[in-house]
Amino acid sequence: MANYIKVSPVVAKVLGLRDIRNKTKDGNYLLWQADVLGLPGDNIVARAAYCGGAVLTPNVAKDEIDGIENPIKVEVTEEFINQYGMEEIVTESTISEMPVNEEEGNV
């Protein structure tokens, strides 16, 4: 069964997926399993954990897009930040200042 990986905007941006993946009601993103194959880990759960994400079933993913009372919390991990050479944790307030596509520059 295909699952989705809910991740923070920082993770979606670093992986270059903010413009092509669904956004949840709480401002996070839903990635496909194939999107995280390059991350460390032996399985999808380990890869999601590495970047601070959560594995969701299709039904739960739909609920997250529509908006639910208690959305699943995700946040970028220190390991993920270190892998991509970020010296300090990027706050949600700086996400809007991050370039949206690779032509404008990478994080």
PDB file of N, CA and C in Angstrom:
ATOM      1  N   MET A   1       0.833  -1.172   0.000  1.00  0.00           N
ATOM      2  CA  MET A   1       0.000   0.000   0.000  1.00  0.00           C
ATOM      3  C   MET A   1       0.886   1.246   0.000  1.00  0.00           C
ATOM      4  N   ALA A   2       0.525   2.226  -0.781  1.00  0.00           N
ATOM      5  CA  ALA A   2       1.265   3.478  -0.833  1.00  0.00           C
ATOM      6  C   ALA A   2       0.921   4.323   0.391  1.00  0.00           C
ATOM      7  N   ASN A   3       1.934   4.923   0.956  1.00  0.00           N
ATOM      8  CA  ASN A   3       1.758   5.838   2.075  1.00  0.00           C
ATOM      9  C   ASN A   3       2.331   7.190   1.697  1.00  0.00           C
ATOM     10  N   TYR A   4       2.043   8.168   2.500  1.00  0.00           N
ATOM     11  CA  TYR A   4       2.565   9.514   2.318  1.00  0.00           C
ATOM     12  C   TYR A   4       3.426   9.856   3.515  1.00  0.00           C
ATOM     13  N   ILE A   5       4.313  10.826   3.331  1.00  0.00           N
ATOM     14  CA  ILE A   5       5.170  11.259   4.422  1.00  0.00           C
ATOM     15  C   ILE A   5       4.893  12.735   4.646  1.00  0.00           C
ATOM     16  N   LYS A   6       4.385  13.065   5.816  1.00  0.00           N
ATOM     17  CA  LYS A   6       4.132  14.448   6.178  1.00  0.00           C
ATOM     18  C   LYS A   6       5.440  15.031   6.695  1.00  0.00           C
ATOM     19  N   VAL A   7       5.872  16.169   6.125  1.00  0.00           N
ATOM     20  CA  VAL A   7       7.125  16.809   6.515  1.00  0.00           C
ATOM     21  C   VAL A   7       6.930  18.310   6.680  1.00  0.00           C
ATOM     22  N   SER A   8       7.881  18.926   7.344  1.00  0.00           N
ATOM     23  CA  SER A   8       7.845  20.373   7.544  1.00  0.00           C
ATOM     24  C   SER A   8       8.143  21.095   6.233  1.00  0.00           C
ATOM     25  N   PRO A   9       7.802  22.377   6.148  1.00  0.00           N
ATOM     26  CA  PRO A   9       8.127  23.158   4.948  1.00  0.00           C
ATOM     27  C   PRO A   9       9.631  23.203   4.664  1.00  0.00           C
ATOM     28  N   VAL A  10      10.452  23.172   5.710  1.00  0.00           N
ATOM     29  CA  VAL A  10      11.905  23.184   5.517  1.00  0.00           C
ATOM     30  C   VAL A  10      12.347  21.954   4.742  1.00  0.00           C
ATOM     31  N   VAL A  11      11.866  20.785   5.133  1.00  0.00           N
ATOM     32  CA  VAL A  11      12.238  19.540   4.461  1.00  0.00           C
ATOM     33  C   VAL A  11      11.760  19.563   3.012  1.00  0.00           C
ATOM     34  N   ALA A  12      10.513  19.961   2.797  1.00  0.00           N
ATOM     35  CA  ALA A  12       9.978  20.021   1.433  1.00  0.00           C
ATOM     36  C   ALA A  12      10.796  20.974   0.569  1.00  0.00           C
ATOM     37  N   LYS A  13      11.211  22.090   1.134  1.00  0.00           N
ATOM     38  CA  LYS A  13      12.006  23.062   0.384  1.00  0.00           C
ATOM     39  C   LYS A  13      13.384  22.503   0.042  1.00  0.00           C
ATOM     40  N   VAL A  14      14.062  21.944   1.020  1.00  0.00           N
ATOM     41  CA  VAL A  14      15.402  21.415   0.802  1.00  0.00           C
ATOM     42  C   VAL A  14      15.385  20.313  -0.258  1.00  0.00           C
ATOM     43  N   LEU A  15      14.356  19.492  -0.256  1.00  0.00           N
ATOM     44  CA  LEU A  15      14.243  18.416  -1.237  1.00  0.00           C
ATOM     45  C   LEU A  15      13.694  18.910  -2.584  1.00  0.00           C
ATOM     46  N   GLY A  16      13.381  20.188  -2.675  1.00  0.00           N
ATOM     47  CA  GLY A  16      12.901  20.767  -3.932  1.00  0.00           C
ATOM     48  C   GLY A  16      11.493  20.363  -4.308  1.00  0.00           C
ATOM     49  N   LEU A  17      10.633  20.145  -3.309  1.00  0.00           N
ATOM     50  CA  LEU A  17       9.296  19.610  -3.577  1.00  0.00           C
ATOM     51  C   LEU A  17       8.150  20.525  -3.165  1.00  0.00           C
ATOM     52  N   ARG A  18       8.443  21.711  -2.689  1.00  0.00           N
ATOM     53  CA  ARG A  18       7.368  22.597  -2.216  1.00  0.00           C
ATOM     54  C   ARG A  18       6.363  22.951  -3.299  1.00  0.00           C
ATOM     55  N   ASP A  19       6.815  23.083  -4.515  1.00  0.00           N
ATOM     56  CA  ASP A  19       5.909  23.502  -5.593  1.00  0.00           C
ATOM     57  C   ASP A  19       5.117  22.364  -6.221  1.00  0.00           C
ATOM     58  N   ILE A  20       5.491  21.117  -5.928  1.00  0.00           N
ATOM     59  CA  ILE A  20       4.844  20.011  -6.642  1.00  0.00           C
ATOM     60  C   ILE A  20       4.150  19.001  -5.730  1.00  0.00           C
ATOM     61  N   ARG A  21       4.121  19.256  -4.434  1.00  0.00           N
ATOM     62  CA  ARG A  21       3.451  18.345  -3.509  1.00  0.00           C
ATOM     63  C   ARG A  21       2.333  19.058  -2.767  1.00  0.00           C
ATOM     64  N   ASN A  22       1.360  18.292  -2.295  1.00  0.00           N
ATOM     65  CA  ASN A  22       0.214  18.847  -1.581  1.00  0.00           C
ATOM     66  C   ASN A  22       0.625  19.423  -0.237  1.00  0.00           C
ATOM     67  N   LYS A  23      -0.039  20.516   0.107  1.00  0.00           N
ATOM     68  CA  LYS A  23       0.182  21.170   1.391  1.00  0.00           C
ATOM     69  C   LYS A  23      -0.967  20.797   2.322  1.00  0.00           C
ATOM     70  N   THR A  24      -0.644  20.531   3.566  1.00  0.00           N
ATOM     71  CA  THR A  24      -1.676  20.211   4.545  1.00  0.00           C
ATOM     72  C   THR A  24      -2.260  21.503   5.106  1.00  0.00           C
ATOM     73  N   LYS A  25      -3.390  21.383   5.757  1.00  0.00           N
ATOM     74  CA  LYS A  25      -4.079  22.554   6.305  1.00  0.00           C
ATOM     75  C   LYS A  25      -3.213  23.298   7.320  1.00  0.00           C
ATOM     76  N   ASP A  26      -2.334  22.581   8.028  1.00  0.00           N
ATOM     77  CA  ASP A  26      -1.476  23.223   9.035  1.00  0.00           C
ATOM     78  C   ASP A  26      -0.165  23.745   8.453  1.00  0.00           C
ATOM     79  N   GLY A  27      -0.021  23.745   7.118  1.00  0.00           N
ATOM     80  CA  GLY A  27       1.136  24.353   6.484  1.00  0.00           C
ATOM     81  C   GLY A  27       2.314  23.439   6.203  1.00  0.00           C
ATOM     82  N   ASN A  28       2.166  22.154   6.462  1.00  0.00           N
ATOM     83  CA  ASN A  28       3.212  21.190   6.165  1.00  0.00           C
ATOM     84  C   ASN A  28       2.967  20.579   4.786  1.00  0.00           C
ATOM     85  N   TYR A  29       3.776  19.614   4.403  1.00  0.00           N
ATOM     86  CA  TYR A  29       3.679  19.032   3.058  1.00  0.00           C
ATOM     87  C   TYR A  29       3.586  17.517   3.118  1.00  0.00           C
ATOM     88  N   LEU A  30       2.936  16.942   2.093  1.00  0.00           N
ATOM     89  CA  LEU A  30       2.834  15.492   1.956  1.00  0.00           C
ATOM     90  C   LEU A  30       3.719  15.043   0.805  1.00  0.00           C
ATOM     91  N   LEU A  31       4.726  14.250   1.130  1.00  0.00           N
ATOM     92  CA  LEU A  31       5.631  13.716   0.119  1.00  0.00           C
ATOM     93  C   LEU A  31       5.232  12.305  -0.248  1.00  0.00           C
ATOM     94  N   TRP A  32       5.690  11.867  -1.399  1.00  0.00           N
ATOM     95  CA  TRP A  32       5.500  10.492  -1.818  1.00  0.00           C
ATOM     96  C   TRP A  32       6.635   9.654  -1.261  1.00  0.00           C
ATOM     97  N   GLN A  33       6.424   8.361  -1.165  1.00  0.00           N
ATOM     98  CA  GLN A  33       7.464   7.462  -0.667  1.00  0.00           C
ATOM     99  C   GLN A  33       8.751   7.603  -1.466  1.00  0.00           C
ATOM    100  N   ALA A  34       8.636   7.715  -2.771  1.00  0.00           N
ATOM    101  CA  ALA A  34       9.817   7.819  -3.631  1.00  0.00           C
ATOM    102  C   ALA A  34      10.615   9.096  -3.367  1.00  0.00           C
ATOM    103  N   ASP A  35       9.972  10.120  -2.831  1.00  0.00           N
ATOM    104  CA  ASP A  35      10.654  11.384  -2.563  1.00  0.00           C
ATOM    105  C   ASP A  35      11.731  11.265  -1.490  1.00  0.00           C
ATOM    106  N   VAL A  36      11.609  10.283  -0.620  1.00  0.00           N
ATOM    107  CA  VAL A  36      12.558  10.159   0.494  1.00  0.00           C
ATOM    108  C   VAL A  36      13.497   8.960   0.344  1.00  0.00           C
ATOM    109  N   LEU A  37      13.503   8.332  -0.816  1.00  0.00           N
ATOM    110  CA  LEU A  37      14.372   7.164  -1.013  1.00  0.00           C
ATOM    111  C   LEU A  37      15.852   7.492  -0.839  1.00  0.00           C
ATOM    112  N   GLY A  38      16.250   8.724  -1.091  1.00  0.00           N
ATOM    113  CA  GLY A  38      17.648   9.117  -0.954  1.00  0.00           C
ATOM    114  C   GLY A  38      18.077   9.434   0.461  1.00  0.00           C
ATOM    115  N   LEU A  39      17.148   9.434   1.394  1.00  0.00           N
ATOM    116  CA  LEU A  39      17.492   9.719   2.784  1.00  0.00           C
ATOM    117  C   LEU A  39      17.982   8.458   3.480  1.00  0.00           C
ATOM    118  N   PRO A  40      18.810   8.609   4.511  1.00  0.00           N
ATOM    119  CA  PRO A  40      19.278   7.438   5.255  1.00  0.00           C
ATOM    120  C   PRO A  40      18.124   6.684   5.909  1.00  0.00           C
ATOM    121  N   GLY A  41      18.256   5.388   5.978  1.00  0.00           N
ATOM    122  CA  GLY A  41      17.244   4.547   6.614  1.00  0.00           C
ATOM    123  C   GLY A  41      16.971   3.303   5.802  1.00  0.00           C
ATOM    124  N   ASP A  42      16.607   2.236   6.491  1.00  0.00           N
ATOM    125  CA  ASP A  42      16.354   0.952   5.835  1.00  0.00           C
ATOM    126  C   ASP A  42      14.930   0.811   5.316  1.00  0.00           C
ATOM    127  N   ASN A  43      14.020   1.664   5.789  1.00  0.00           N
ATOM    128  CA  ASN A  43      12.626   1.586   5.361  1.00  0.00           C
ATOM    129  C   ASN A  43      11.987   2.967   5.415  1.00  0.00           C
ATOM    130  N   ILE A  44      10.760   3.057   4.986  1.00  0.00           N
ATOM    131  CA  ILE A  44      10.080   4.343   4.877  1.00  0.00           C
ATOM    132  C   ILE A  44       9.886   5.008   6.236  1.00  0.00           C
ATOM    133  N   VAL A  45       9.645   4.221   7.261  1.00  0.00           N
ATOM    134  CA  VAL A  45       9.460   4.779   8.602  1.00  0.00           C
ATOM    135  C   VAL A  45      10.760   5.405   9.102  1.00  0.00           C
ATOM    136  N   ALA A  46      11.888   4.728   8.882  1.00  0.00           N
ATOM    137  CA  ALA A  46      13.187   5.251   9.306  1.00  0.00           C
ATOM    138  C   ALA A  46      13.559   6.518   8.532  1.00  0.00           C
ATOM    139  N   ARG A  47      13.256   6.540   7.245  1.00  0.00           N
ATOM    140  CA  ARG A  47      13.559   7.724   6.433  1.00  0.00           C
ATOM    141  C   ARG A  47      12.698   8.911   6.856  1.00  0.00           C
ATOM    142  N   ALA A  48      11.437   8.656   7.142  1.00  0.00           N
ATOM    143  CA  ALA A  48      10.556   9.728   7.618  1.00  0.00           C
ATOM    144  C   ALA A  48      11.053  10.260   8.960  1.00  0.00           C
ATOM    145  N   ALA A  49      11.436   9.382   9.849  1.00  0.00           N
ATOM    146  CA  ALA A  49      11.943   9.797  11.159  1.00  0.00           C
ATOM    147  C   ALA A  49      13.226  10.616  11.020  1.00  0.00           C
ATOM    148  N   TYR A  50      14.073  10.256  10.077  1.00  0.00           N
ATOM    149  CA  TYR A  50      15.337  10.957   9.866  1.00  0.00           C
ATOM    150  C   TYR A  50      15.121  12.447   9.586  1.00  0.00           C
ATOM    151  N   CYS A  51      14.094  12.764   8.811  1.00  0.00           N
ATOM    152  CA  CYS A  51      13.848  14.170   8.475  1.00  0.00           C
ATOM    153  C   CYS A  51      12.788  14.808   9.369  1.00  0.00           C
ATOM    154  N   GLY A  52      12.297  14.069  10.359  1.00  0.00           N
ATOM    155  CA  GLY A  52      11.300  14.610  11.278  1.00  0.00           C
ATOM    156  C   GLY A  52       9.876  14.467  10.794  1.00  0.00           C
ATOM    157  N   GLY A  53       9.665  13.621   9.804  1.00  0.00           N
ATOM    158  CA  GLY A  53       8.340  13.431   9.231  1.00  0.00           C
ATOM    159  C   GLY A  53       7.570  12.296   9.874  1.00  0.00           C
ATOM    160  N   ALA A  54       6.374  12.085   9.360  1.00  0.00           N
ATOM    161  CA  ALA A  54       5.498  11.017   9.837  1.00  0.00           C
ATOM    162  C   ALA A  54       4.889  10.305   8.641  1.00  0.00           C
ATOM    163  N   VAL A  55       4.824   8.980   8.706  1.00  0.00           N
ATOM    164  CA  VAL A  55       4.227   8.180   7.638  1.00  0.00           C
ATOM    165  C   VAL A  55       2.718   8.134   7.854  1.00  0.00           C
ATOM    166  N   LEU A  56       1.968   8.454   6.781  1.00  0.00           N
ATOM    167  CA  LEU A  56       0.507   8.491   6.859  1.00  0.00           C
ATOM    168  C   LEU A  56      -0.125   7.571   5.829  1.00  0.00           C
ATOM    169  N   THR A  57      -1.242   6.993   6.186  1.00  0.00           N
ATOM    170  CA  THR A  57      -2.039   6.250   5.217  1.00  0.00           C
ATOM    171  C   THR A  57      -2.737   7.259   4.309  1.00  0.00           C
ATOM    172  N   PRO A  58      -3.232   6.827   3.162  1.00  0.00           N
ATOM    173  CA  PRO A  58      -3.939   7.758   2.279  1.00  0.00           C
ATOM    174  C   PRO A  58      -5.131   8.453   2.950  1.00  0.00           C
ATOM    175  N   ASN A  59      -5.870   7.734   3.761  1.00  0.00           N
ATOM    176  CA  ASN A  59      -7.033   8.335   4.432  1.00  0.00           C
ATOM    177  C   ASN A  59      -6.621   9.421   5.418  1.00  0.00           C
ATOM    178  N   VAL A  60      -5.584   9.152   6.174  1.00  0.00           N
ATOM    179  CA  VAL A  60      -5.099  10.150   7.136  1.00  0.00           C
ATOM    180  C   VAL A  60      -4.512  11.352   6.389  1.00  0.00           C
ATOM    181  N   ALA A  61      -3.809  11.095   5.292  1.00  0.00           N
ATOM    182  CA  ALA A  61      -3.249  12.184   4.486  1.00  0.00           C
ATOM    183  C   ALA A  61      -4.362  13.103   3.981  1.00  0.00           C
ATOM    184  N   LYS A  62      -5.449  12.531   3.513  1.00  0.00           N
ATOM    185  CA  LYS A  62      -6.598  13.324   3.042  1.00  0.00           C
ATOM    186  C   LYS A  62      -7.160  14.175   4.174  1.00  0.00           C
ATOM    187  N   ASP A  63      -7.283  13.581   5.355  1.00  0.00           N
ATOM    188  CA  ASP A  63      -7.769  14.329   6.518  1.00  0.00           C
ATOM    189  C   ASP A  63      -6.845  15.503   6.843  1.00  0.00           C
ATOM    190  N   GLU A  64      -5.548  15.292   6.725  1.00  0.00           N
ATOM    191  CA  GLU A  64      -4.572  16.353   6.997  1.00  0.00           C
ATOM    192  C   GLU A  64      -4.692  17.491   5.980  1.00  0.00           C
ATOM    193  N   ILE A  65      -4.977  17.170   4.732  1.00  0.00           N
ATOM    194  CA  ILE A  65      -5.176  18.202   3.710  1.00  0.00           C
ATOM    195  C   ILE A  65      -6.441  19.002   4.013  1.00  0.00           C
ATOM    196  N   ASP A  66      -7.514  18.300   4.360  1.00  0.00           N
ATOM    197  CA  ASP A  66      -8.790  18.947   4.640  1.00  0.00           C
ATOM    198  C   ASP A  66      -8.766  19.736   5.947  1.00  0.00           C
ATOM    199  N   GLY A  67      -7.929  19.292   6.884  1.00  0.00           N
ATOM    200  CA  GLY A  67      -7.836  19.934   8.188  1.00  0.00           C
ATOM    201  C   GLY A  67      -8.541  19.127   9.255  1.00  0.00           C
ATOM    202  N   ILE A  68      -7.810  18.820  10.293  1.00  0.00           N
ATOM    203  CA  ILE A  68      -8.370  18.077  11.421  1.00  0.00           C
ATOM    204  C   ILE A  68      -8.058  18.826  12.710  1.00  0.00           C
ATOM    205  N   GLU A  69      -8.794  18.484  13.762  1.00  0.00           N
ATOM    206  CA  GLU A  69      -8.654  19.194  15.031  1.00  0.00           C
ATOM    207  C   GLU A  69      -7.255  19.060  15.625  1.00  0.00           C
ATOM    208  N   ASN A  70      -6.681  17.875  15.551  1.00  0.00           N
ATOM    209  CA  ASN A  70      -5.348  17.625  16.118  1.00  0.00           C
ATOM    210  C   ASN A  70      -4.422  17.074  15.046  1.00  0.00           C
ATOM    211  N   PRO A  71      -3.866  17.947  14.201  1.00  0.00           N
ATOM    212  CA  PRO A  71      -2.981  17.450  13.138  1.00  0.00           C
ATOM    213  C   PRO A  71      -1.714  16.809  13.709  1.00  0.00           C
ATOM    214  N   ILE A  72      -1.168  15.892  12.958  1.00  0.00           N
ATOM    215  CA  ILE A  72       0.072  15.222  13.362  1.00  0.00           C
ATOM    216  C   ILE A  72       1.204  16.240  13.282  1.00  0.00           C
ATOM    217  N   LYS A  73       1.975  16.329  14.351  1.00  0.00           N
ATOM    218  CA  LYS A  73       3.068  17.298  14.434  1.00  0.00           C
ATOM    219  C   LYS A  73       4.319  16.738  13.767  1.00  0.00           C
ATOM    220  N   VAL A  74       4.985  17.592  12.982  1.00  0.00           N
ATOM    221  CA  VAL A  74       6.267  17.246  12.374  1.00  0.00           C
ATOM    222  C   VAL A  74       7.197  18.437  12.516  1.00  0.00           C
ATOM    223  N   GLU A  75       8.487  18.157  12.625  1.00  0.00           N
ATOM    224  CA  GLU A  75       9.482  19.227  12.621  1.00  0.00           C
ATOM    225  C   GLU A  75      10.799  18.658  12.137  1.00  0.00           C
ATOM    226  N   VAL A  76      11.589  19.513  11.539  1.00  0.00           N
ATOM    227  CA  VAL A  76      12.850  19.078  10.958  1.00  0.00           C
ATOM    228  C   VAL A  76      13.814  18.646  12.068  1.00  0.00           C
ATOM    229  N   THR A  77      14.554  17.566  11.809  1.00  0.00           N
ATOM    230  CA  THR A  77      15.496  17.059  12.804  1.00  0.00           C
ATOM    231  C   THR A  77      16.869  17.695  12.634  1.00  0.00           C
ATOM    232  N   GLU A  78      17.638  17.661  13.685  1.00  0.00           N
ATOM    233  CA  GLU A  78      18.999  18.190  13.652  1.00  0.00           C
ATOM    234  C   GLU A  78      19.868  17.411  12.667  1.00  0.00           C
ATOM    235  N   GLU A  79      19.659  16.107  12.578  1.00  0.00           N
ATOM    236  CA  GLU A  79      20.427  15.282  11.631  1.00  0.00           C
ATOM    237  C   GLU A  79      20.182  15.720  10.190  1.00  0.00           C
ATOM    238  N   PHE A  80      18.933  16.000   9.869  1.00  0.00           N
ATOM    239  CA  PHE A  80      18.595  16.442   8.524  1.00  0.00           C
ATOM    240  C   PHE A  80      19.237  17.795   8.234  1.00  0.00           C
ATOM    241  N   ILE A  81      19.146  18.705   9.181  1.00  0.00           N
ATOM    242  CA  ILE A  81      19.743  20.030   9.027  1.00  0.00           C
ATOM    243  C   ILE A  81      21.246  19.906   8.805  1.00  0.00           C
ATOM    244  N   ASN A  82      21.905  19.069   9.587  1.00  0.00           N
ATOM    245  CA  ASN A  82      23.353  18.887   9.450  1.00  0.00           C
ATOM    246  C   ASN A  82      23.726  18.279   8.102  1.00  0.00           C
ATOM    247  N   GLN A  83      22.927  17.357   7.599  1.00  0.00           N
ATOM    248  CA  GLN A  83      23.218  16.724   6.319  1.00  0.00           C
ATOM    249  C   GLN A  83      23.247  17.747   5.190  1.00  0.00           C
ATOM    250  N   TYR A  84      22.385  18.748   5.266  1.00  0.00           N
ATOM    251  CA  TYR A  84      22.290  19.731   4.194  1.00  0.00           C
ATOM    252  C   TYR A  84      23.074  21.007   4.482  1.00  0.00           C
ATOM    253  N   GLY A  85      23.946  20.972   5.499  1.00  0.00           N
ATOM    254  CA  GLY A  85      24.853  22.079   5.764  1.00  0.00           C
ATOM    255  C   GLY A  85      24.220  23.329   6.328  1.00  0.00           C
ATOM    256  N   MET A  86      23.061  23.197   6.948  1.00  0.00           N
ATOM    257  CA  MET A  86      22.444  24.354   7.592  1.00  0.00           C
ATOM    258  C   MET A  86      23.086  24.506   8.962  1.00  0.00           C
ATOM    259  N   GLU A  87      23.601  25.680   9.272  1.00  0.00           N
ATOM    260  CA  GLU A  87      24.314  25.868  10.524  1.00  0.00           C
ATOM    261  C   GLU A  87      23.395  26.067  11.715  1.00  0.00           C
ATOM    262  N   GLU A  88      22.198  26.547  11.482  1.00  0.00           N
ATOM    263  CA  GLU A  88      21.253  26.713  12.572  1.00  0.00           C
ATOM    264  C   GLU A  88      19.873  26.287  12.088  1.00  0.00           C
ATOM    265  N   ILE A  89      19.028  25.945  13.011  1.00  0.00           N
ATOM    266  CA  ILE A  89      17.681  25.492  12.651  1.00  0.00           C
ATOM    267  C   ILE A  89      16.909  26.659  12.037  1.00  0.00           C
ATOM    268  N   VAL A  90      16.310  26.399  10.900  1.00  0.00           N
ATOM    269  CA  VAL A  90      15.520  27.404  10.209  1.00  0.00           C
ATOM    270  C   VAL A  90      14.159  27.475  10.887  1.00  0.00           C
ATOM    271  N   THR A  91      13.754  28.684  11.240  1.00  0.00           N
ATOM    272  CA  THR A  91      12.455  28.848  11.884  1.00  0.00           C
ATOM    273  C   THR A  91      11.370  28.967  10.828  1.00  0.00           C
ATOM    274  N   GLU A  92      10.170  28.704  11.220  1.00  0.00           N
ATOM    275  CA  GLU A  92       9.051  28.781  10.287  1.00  0.00           C
ATOM    276  C   GLU A  92       8.909  30.190   9.716  1.00  0.00           C
ATOM    277  N   SER A  93       9.299  31.224  10.455  1.00  0.00           N
ATOM    278  CA  SER A  93       9.155  32.590   9.961  1.00  0.00           C
ATOM    279  C   SER A  93      10.106  32.882   8.799  1.00  0.00           C
ATOM    280  N   THR A  94      11.170  32.101   8.650  1.00  0.00           N
ATOM    281  CA  THR A  94      12.101  32.339   7.551  1.00  0.00           C
ATOM    282  C   THR A  94      11.751  31.525   6.314  1.00  0.00           C
ATOM    283  N   ILE A  95      10.790  30.648   6.399  1.00  0.00           N
ATOM    284  CA  ILE A  95      10.415  29.807   5.259  1.00  0.00           C
ATOM    285  C   ILE A  95       9.975  30.660   4.081  1.00  0.00           C
ATOM    286  N   SER A  96       9.190  31.687   4.338  1.00  0.00           N
ATOM    287  CA  SER A  96       8.683  32.506   3.237  1.00  0.00           C
ATOM    288  C   SER A  96       9.810  33.248   2.519  1.00  0.00           C
ATOM    289  N   GLU A  97      10.945  33.433   3.186  1.00  0.00           N
ATOM    290  CA  GLU A  97      12.070  34.119   2.573  1.00  0.00           C
ATOM    291  C   GLU A  97      12.950  33.175   1.758  1.00  0.00           C
ATOM    292  N   MET A  98      12.731  31.875   1.885  1.00  0.00           N
ATOM    293  CA  MET A  98      13.551  30.901   1.185  1.00  0.00           C
ATOM    294  C   MET A  98      13.174  30.873  -0.293  1.00  0.00           C
ATOM    295  N   PRO A  99      14.150  30.780  -1.198  1.00  0.00           N
ATOM    296  CA  PRO A  99      13.830  30.698  -2.622  1.00  0.00           C
ATOM    297  C   PRO A  99      12.942  29.498  -2.918  1.00  0.00           C
ATOM    298  N   VAL A 100      12.029  29.665  -3.855  1.00  0.00           N
ATOM    299  CA  VAL A 100      11.073  28.615  -4.173  1.00  0.00           C
ATOM    300  C   VAL A 100      11.606  27.644  -5.210  1.00  0.00           C
ATOM    301  N   ASN A 101      12.466  28.101  -6.130  1.00  0.00           N
ATOM    302  CA  ASN A 101      12.972  27.167  -7.122  1.00  0.00           C
ATOM    303  C   ASN A 101      14.494  27.224  -7.186  1.00  0.00           C
ATOM    304  N   GLU A 102      15.089  26.237  -7.827  1.00  0.00           N
ATOM    305  CA  GLU A 102      16.540  26.102  -7.831  1.00  0.00           C
ATOM    306  C   GLU A 102      17.233  27.227  -8.572  1.00  0.00           C
ATOM    307  N   GLU A 103      16.561  27.861  -9.530  1.00  0.00           N
ATOM    308  CA  GLU A 103      17.181  28.966 -10.254  1.00  0.00           C
ATOM    309  C   GLU A 103      17.453  30.157  -9.343  1.00  0.00           C
ATOM    310  N   GLU A 104      16.608  30.319  -8.320  1.00  0.00           N
ATOM    311  CA  GLU A 104      16.777  31.416  -7.382  1.00  0.00           C
ATOM    312  C   GLU A 104      17.811  31.108  -6.315  1.00  0.00           C
ATOM    313  N   GLY A 105      18.240  29.858  -6.206  1.00  0.00           N
ATOM    314  CA  GLY A 105      19.233  29.460  -5.213  1.00  0.00           C
ATOM    315  C   GLY A 105      18.695  28.394  -4.286  1.00  0.00           C
ATOM    316  N   ASN A 106      19.588  27.702  -3.654  1.00  0.00           N
ATOM    317  CA  ASN A 106      19.220  26.651  -2.712  1.00  0.00           C
ATOM    318  C   ASN A 106      19.486  27.086  -1.291  1.00  0.00           C
ATOM    319  N   VAL A 107      18.874  26.366  -0.385  1.00  0.00           N
ATOM    320  CA  VAL A 107      19.087  26.615   1.029  1.00  0.00           C
ATOM    321  C   VAL A 107      20.453  26.112   1.405  1.00  0.00           C
TER     322      VAL A 107
END
